[in-house]
Amino acid sequence: MNKPIEIIDPCRLRALPSLELEDDLWPSIEAKLQKANKPSAFRGTKIILLAASALLAVIILQQMNMVDVVNKPEQLQVAGESTVALENDRQNQLKRLLTMSQTLENRIYSPQLQNGPLSANEAVMIAELEDMIAVVDRQLAQHTADPELWYRRVALLTNLAGIYQQRRTRDFSQYVAL
């Protein structure tokens, strides 16, 4: 014969009153979803990051007197200048742009800027910038002496450096707050 199994309840959980649940939980779920879908500061952060990187690009280019360095060949035609002077000017522009490109690459890929966590937003922006740099690099493989392409590459590298630099300062401020 089967004896009923005695249920042991040492914490007396069975003595607790039962909860009455709402028949329809959807209104509370919908309210939580609407709160979550409100515009967040995430979009503002993306705009701030892009503006900061653009500002950094302008500052670096102004410091190196590169704002008006790259001109199209037809804009370089100044009355009275010889083609030798134009070629020398173009070679100087290319040298400065190559130097800036190398300096920015060394800075970007230094361990100081590469360490630390990335937000998803930063990872997307970095990937997009690196893709654009790869496109310019492919074009440079065909036209190595085009100052406009080098200028684009320097501008993209400057934006990339700005994102890494902004991330670095953010990370340090978070460590200080701990």
Foldseek 3Di string as FASTA:
>chain_A
DDDDDDDDDPVPPVVDDDDDDDPDPVVVVVVVVVVVPDDDCVVVVLVVLQVQLQVQLVVVCVVLVNPPLADDPVVLDDPPDDVVVVVVSLVVLLVSLVVLLVVLVCLCPPPLLPDDDDDPSLVVLLVVLVVVLVVLVVVCVVVVSRSVSSVVNSSSSSSSSSSSVVVSVVVVVVVVVD
